[in-house]
Amino acid sequence: MPTNKALDIHHAFSPMRDAMLLWLALLTVSLACLLFVGYRAERVIHNEAEALAEKTADLTAIIIDEAGHARFARTGSMWSAEHKTLIEPLLDLHRRFPETARIRTLI
């Protein structure tokens, strides 16, 4: 006994099933793309911040008075005249690049 294809349950819902599978595939690909783009953007921002920190460190190393800082670390006191002259180049750097919040020296 032949069945009528128009009344067969598998054929009646085939367009709906195909649409749902297509929607699920598009959703999966879209989410995967968003995760990948988010990861790449995070890596780019991290690399740029790291490069900026390296440039700031290089610039600071050029303008800093190593001998003065070493001498101050042994005998100086905060906010003395010597301290103010030693930190003036660092303050100028901070004024020109306000995104540089802290500059620390290690002797």
N, C-alpha and C. Protein backbone atom coordinates (compact mmCIF):
# COMPACT_ATOMS: atom_id res chain seq x y z
N MET A 1 0.84 -1.17 0.00
CA MET A 1 0.00 0.00 0.00
C MET A 1 0.89 1.24 0.00
N PRO A 2 0.84 2.01 -1.03
CA PRO A 2 1.68 3.21 -1.13
C PRO A 2 1.17 4.30 -0.19
N THR A 3 2.13 5.02 0.38
CA THR A 3 1.75 6.12 1.28
C THR A 3 1.76 7.43 0.51
N ASN A 4 0.93 8.32 0.93
CA ASN A 4 0.86 9.65 0.32
C ASN A 4 1.98 10.51 0.93
N LYS A 5 2.91 11.00 0.10
CA LYS A 5 4.05 11.76 0.61
C LYS A 5 3.63 13.07 1.27
N ALA A 6 2.53 13.64 0.86
CA ALA A 6 2.06 14.89 1.45
C ALA A 6 1.61 14.67 2.88
N LEU A 7 1.19 13.48 3.24
CA LEU A 7 0.74 13.20 4.59
C LEU A 7 1.80 12.54 5.45
N ASP A 8 2.93 12.21 4.88
CA ASP A 8 4.01 11.56 5.61
C ASP A 8 4.65 12.59 6.57
N ILE A 9 4.80 12.22 7.83
CA ILE A 9 5.29 13.14 8.86
C ILE A 9 6.72 13.61 8.58
N HIS A 10 7.56 12.76 8.02
CA HIS A 10 8.95 13.13 7.74
C HIS A 10 9.05 14.19 6.65
N HIS A 11 8.17 14.12 5.68
CA HIS A 11 8.20 15.09 4.59
C HIS A 11 7.46 16.37 4.96
N ALA A 12 6.46 16.28 5.83
CA ALA A 12 5.68 17.45 6.19
C ALA A 12 6.51 18.45 6.98
N PHE A 13 7.42 17.97 7.83
CA PHE A 13 8.22 18.87 8.65
C PHE A 13 9.64 19.06 8.12
N SER A 14 9.93 18.59 6.97
CA SER A 14 11.27 18.70 6.41
C SER A 14 11.72 20.15 6.23
N PRO A 15 10.91 21.07 5.72
CA PRO A 15 11.37 22.47 5.61
C PRO A 15 11.65 23.09 6.99
N MET A 16 10.82 22.77 7.96
CA MET A 16 11.03 23.30 9.32
C MET A 16 12.32 22.72 9.91
N ARG A 17 12.53 21.43 9.73
CA ARG A 17 13.74 20.80 10.23
C ARG A 17 14.97 21.39 9.54
N ASP A 18 14.90 21.59 8.25
CA ASP A 18 16.02 22.17 7.50
C ASP A 18 16.30 23.60 7.97
N ALA A 19 15.25 24.36 8.21
CA ALA A 19 15.42 25.74 8.68
C ALA A 19 16.05 25.76 10.06
N MET A 20 15.64 24.87 10.94
CA MET A 20 16.21 24.82 12.29
C MET A 20 17.68 24.40 12.24
N LEU A 21 18.01 23.43 11.42
CA LEU A 21 19.40 23.00 11.28
C LEU A 21 20.26 24.11 10.70
N LEU A 22 19.74 24.83 9.73
CA LEU A 22 20.47 25.95 9.15
C LEU A 22 20.67 27.05 10.20
N TRP A 23 19.63 27.35 10.97
CA TRP A 23 19.74 28.35 12.03
C TRP A 23 20.78 27.93 13.06
N LEU A 24 20.77 26.67 13.44
CA LEU A 24 21.74 26.17 14.41
C LEU A 24 23.17 26.25 13.87
N ALA A 25 23.34 25.91 12.59
CA ALA A 25 24.67 26.00 11.98
C ALA A 25 25.15 27.44 11.92
N LEU A 26 24.30 28.36 11.52
CA LEU A 26 24.67 29.79 11.46
C LEU A 26 24.98 30.34 12.85
N LEU A 27 24.22 29.94 13.83
CA LEU A 27 24.45 30.39 15.20
C LEU A 27 25.80 29.88 15.70
N THR A 28 26.10 28.62 15.43
CA THR A 28 27.37 28.04 15.86
C THR A 28 28.55 28.74 15.20
N VAL A 29 28.46 28.97 13.90
CA VAL A 29 29.55 29.66 13.19
C VAL A 29 29.68 31.10 13.68
N SER A 30 28.57 31.78 13.90
CA SER A 30 28.62 33.16 14.39
C SER A 30 29.27 33.25 15.76
N LEU A 31 28.91 32.36 16.66
CA LEU A 31 29.51 32.36 17.99
C LEU A 31 31.01 32.03 17.92
N ALA A 32 31.37 31.10 17.07
CA ALA A 32 32.79 30.76 16.92
C ALA A 32 33.57 31.97 16.39
N CYS A 33 33.01 32.67 15.43
CA CYS A 33 33.67 33.87 14.88
C CYS A 33 33.80 34.95 15.95
N LEU A 34 32.76 35.17 16.73
CA LEU A 34 32.82 36.18 17.80
C LEU A 34 33.88 35.83 18.83
N LEU A 35 33.96 34.58 19.21
CA LEU A 35 34.99 34.17 20.17
C LEU A 35 36.39 34.36 19.59
N PHE A 36 36.57 34.02 18.33
CA PHE A 36 37.88 34.18 17.69
C PHE A 36 38.27 35.65 17.58
N VAL A 37 37.34 36.49 17.15
CA VAL A 37 37.62 37.92 17.02
C VAL A 37 37.90 38.53 18.39
N GLY A 38 37.15 38.13 19.40
CA GLY A 38 37.39 38.63 20.75
C GLY A 38 38.77 38.25 21.27
N TYR A 39 39.16 37.02 21.01
CA TYR A 39 40.49 36.56 21.43
C TYR A 39 41.58 37.34 20.71
N ARG A 40 41.43 37.51 19.40
CA ARG A 40 42.45 38.25 18.63
C ARG A 40 42.52 39.71 19.09
N ALA A 41 41.38 40.33 19.34
CA ALA A 41 41.38 41.72 19.79
C ALA A 41 42.07 41.85 21.15
N GLU A 42 41.83 40.91 22.03
CA GLU A 42 42.48 40.92 23.34
C GLU A 42 43.99 40.79 23.19
N ARG A 43 44.44 39.92 22.30
CA ARG A 43 45.88 39.75 22.06
C ARG A 43 46.50 41.03 21.49
N VAL A 44 45.80 41.69 20.56
CA VAL A 44 46.32 42.93 19.97
C VAL A 44 46.44 44.01 21.03
N ILE A 45 45.43 44.16 21.87
CA ILE A 45 45.47 45.17 22.93
C ILE A 45 46.60 44.86 23.91
N HIS A 46 46.77 43.59 24.25
CA HIS A 46 47.84 43.20 25.15
C HIS A 46 49.20 43.51 24.55
N ASN A 47 49.38 43.19 23.28
CA ASN A 47 50.66 43.46 22.61
C ASN A 47 50.96 44.96 22.52
N GLU A 48 49.93 45.76 22.25
CA GLU A 48 50.12 47.22 22.19
C GLU A 48 50.48 47.78 23.56
N ALA A 49 49.83 47.29 24.60
CA ALA A 49 50.15 47.76 25.95
C ALA A 49 51.56 47.37 26.34
N GLU A 50 51.96 46.18 25.97
CA GLU A 50 53.31 45.72 26.26
C GLU A 50 54.35 46.55 25.51
N ALA A 51 54.07 46.87 24.25
CA ALA A 51 54.99 47.69 23.46
C ALA A 51 55.09 49.10 24.04
N LEU A 52 53.96 49.65 24.50
CA LEU A 52 53.98 50.98 25.11
C LEU A 52 54.79 50.96 26.41
N ALA A 53 54.65 49.91 27.19
CA ALA A 53 55.42 49.80 28.43
C ALA A 53 56.91 49.70 28.14
N GLU A 54 57.27 48.96 27.11
CA GLU A 54 58.69 48.85 26.75
C GLU A 54 59.25 50.17 26.27
N LYS A 55 58.48 50.90 25.46
CA LYS A 55 58.93 52.21 24.98
C LYS A 55 59.09 53.19 26.13
N THR A 56 58.14 53.15 27.07
CA THR A 56 58.22 54.03 28.23
C THR A 56 59.44 53.69 29.07
N ALA A 57 59.71 52.40 29.25
CA ALA A 57 60.88 51.98 30.02
C ALA A 57 62.17 52.41 29.32
N ASP A 58 62.22 52.27 28.01
CA ASP A 58 63.41 52.70 27.28
C ASP A 58 63.63 54.20 27.39
N LEU A 59 62.55 54.96 27.25
CA LEU A 59 62.64 56.42 27.37
C LEU A 59 63.06 56.83 28.77
N THR A 60 62.50 56.19 29.76
CA THR A 60 62.84 56.48 31.15
C THR A 60 64.30 56.15 31.42
N ALA A 61 64.77 55.05 30.88
CA ALA A 61 66.18 54.66 31.08
C ALA A 61 67.12 55.70 30.47
N ILE A 62 66.69 56.35 29.40
CA ILE A 62 67.54 57.36 28.77
C ILE A 62 67.61 58.63 29.62
N ILE A 63 66.48 59.05 30.20
CA ILE A 63 66.44 60.34 30.90
C ILE A 63 66.80 60.26 32.38
N ILE A 64 66.90 59.06 32.91
CA ILE A 64 67.13 58.94 34.36
C ILE A 64 68.62 59.11 34.70
N ASP A 65 68.89 59.69 35.83
CA ASP A 65 70.26 59.85 36.34
C ASP A 65 70.54 58.68 37.28
N GLU A 66 71.21 57.66 36.76
CA GLU A 66 71.44 56.44 37.54
C GLU A 66 72.28 56.71 38.79
N ALA A 67 73.34 57.46 38.63
CA ALA A 67 74.22 57.73 39.77
C ALA A 67 73.48 58.54 40.83
N GLY A 68 72.71 59.52 40.40
CA GLY A 68 71.93 60.32 41.35
C GLY A 68 70.91 59.49 42.09
N HIS A 69 70.23 58.60 41.38
CA HIS A 69 69.25 57.74 42.04
C HIS A 69 69.91 56.77 43.01
N ALA A 70 71.06 56.23 42.63
CA ALA A 70 71.77 55.32 43.54
C ALA A 70 72.23 56.06 44.79
N ARG A 71 72.73 57.27 44.62
CA ARG A 71 73.16 58.07 45.75
C ARG A 71 71.97 58.44 46.64
N PHE A 72 70.87 58.80 46.02
CA PHE A 72 69.67 59.16 46.77
C PHE A 72 69.11 57.95 47.52
N ALA A 73 69.16 56.77 46.92
CA ALA A 73 68.64 55.56 47.58
C ALA A 73 69.42 55.24 48.85
N ARG A 74 70.70 55.57 48.86
CA ARG A 74 71.52 55.29 50.05
C ARG A 74 71.32 56.35 51.14
N THR A 75 71.24 57.61 50.77
CA THR A 75 71.31 58.66 51.80
C THR A 75 70.16 59.66 51.76
N GLY A 76 69.37 59.69 50.74
CA GLY A 76 68.40 60.77 50.57
C GLY A 76 67.11 60.60 51.36
N SER A 77 66.35 61.69 51.40
CA SER A 77 65.04 61.66 52.02
C SER A 77 64.02 62.19 51.01
N MET A 78 62.81 61.70 51.13
CA MET A 78 61.77 62.09 50.19
C MET A 78 61.50 63.58 50.26
N TRP A 79 61.26 64.18 49.12
CA TRP A 79 60.88 65.57 48.93
C TRP A 79 61.98 66.56 49.35
N SER A 80 63.21 66.09 49.38
CA SER A 80 64.32 67.01 49.59
C SER A 80 64.62 67.70 48.25
N ALA A 81 65.54 68.66 48.28
CA ALA A 81 65.91 69.36 47.04
C ALA A 81 66.53 68.39 46.04
N GLU A 82 67.36 67.46 46.53
CA GLU A 82 67.97 66.48 45.63
C GLU A 82 66.90 65.57 45.01
N HIS A 83 65.94 65.18 45.81
CA HIS A 83 64.85 64.33 45.32
C HIS A 83 64.07 65.05 44.23
N LYS A 84 63.77 66.33 44.45
CA LYS A 84 63.01 67.08 43.45
C LYS A 84 63.77 67.21 42.13
N THR A 85 65.09 67.41 42.20
CA THR A 85 65.86 67.51 40.95
C THR A 85 65.95 66.15 40.26
N LEU A 86 65.98 65.07 41.02
CA LEU A 86 66.05 63.75 40.40
C LEU A 86 64.74 63.34 39.73
N ILE A 87 63.61 63.73 40.31
CA ILE A 87 62.34 63.30 39.73
C ILE A 87 61.79 64.28 38.69
N GLU A 88 62.40 65.44 38.54
CA GLU A 88 61.88 66.43 37.58
C GLU A 88 61.80 65.88 36.15
N PRO A 89 62.83 65.17 35.63
CA PRO A 89 62.68 64.60 34.28
C PRO A 89 61.53 63.58 34.19
N LEU A 90 61.32 62.84 35.27
CA LEU A 90 60.22 61.87 35.28
C LEU A 90 58.87 62.58 35.31
N LEU A 91 58.80 63.68 36.04
CA LEU A 91 57.56 64.46 36.07
C LEU A 91 57.28 65.08 34.71
N ASP A 92 58.32 65.56 34.02
CA ASP A 92 58.14 66.08 32.67
C ASP A 92 57.61 65.00 31.73
N LEU A 93 58.16 63.80 31.85
CA LEU A 93 57.68 62.69 31.04
C LEU A 93 56.20 62.40 31.34
N HIS A 94 55.84 62.44 32.60
CA HIS A 94 54.45 62.20 32.98
C HIS A 94 53.53 63.31 32.46
N ARG A 95 54.01 64.54 32.47
CA ARG A 95 53.19 65.65 31.95
C ARG A 95 52.95 65.49 30.45
N ARG A 96 53.97 65.04 29.73
CA ARG A 96 53.82 64.86 28.28
C ARG A 96 53.00 63.63 27.94
N PHE A 97 53.08 62.60 28.75
CA PHE A 97 52.35 61.35 28.51
C PHE A 97 51.56 60.99 29.77
N PRO A 98 50.40 61.62 29.96
CA PRO A 98 49.64 61.39 31.20
C PRO A 98 49.13 59.96 31.38
N GLU A 99 49.10 59.18 30.31
CA GLU A 99 48.66 57.79 30.46
C GLU A 99 49.68 56.97 31.23
N THR A 100 50.90 57.52 31.39
CA THR A 100 51.91 56.86 32.20
C THR A 100 51.64 57.25 33.65
N ALA A 101 51.02 56.35 34.38
CA ALA A 101 50.61 56.67 35.74
C ALA A 101 51.75 56.56 36.74
N ARG A 102 52.61 55.55 36.58
CA ARG A 102 53.68 55.33 37.55
C ARG A 102 54.97 55.01 36.83
N ILE A 103 56.04 55.58 37.33
CA ILE A 103 57.38 55.22 36.87
C ILE A 103 58.17 54.91 38.12
N ARG A 104 58.65 53.70 38.21
CA ARG A 104 59.44 53.28 39.37
C ARG A 104 60.86 52.98 38.92
N THR A 105 61.78 53.31 39.79
CA THR A 105 63.18 53.01 39.49
C THR A 105 63.66 51.94 40.44
N LEU A 106 64.53 51.09 39.94
CA LEU A 106 65.10 50.03 40.73
C LEU A 106 66.61 50.16 40.68
N ILE A 107 67.20 50.38 41.80
CA ILE A 107 68.65 50.55 41.87
C ILE A 107 69.25 49.28 42.46
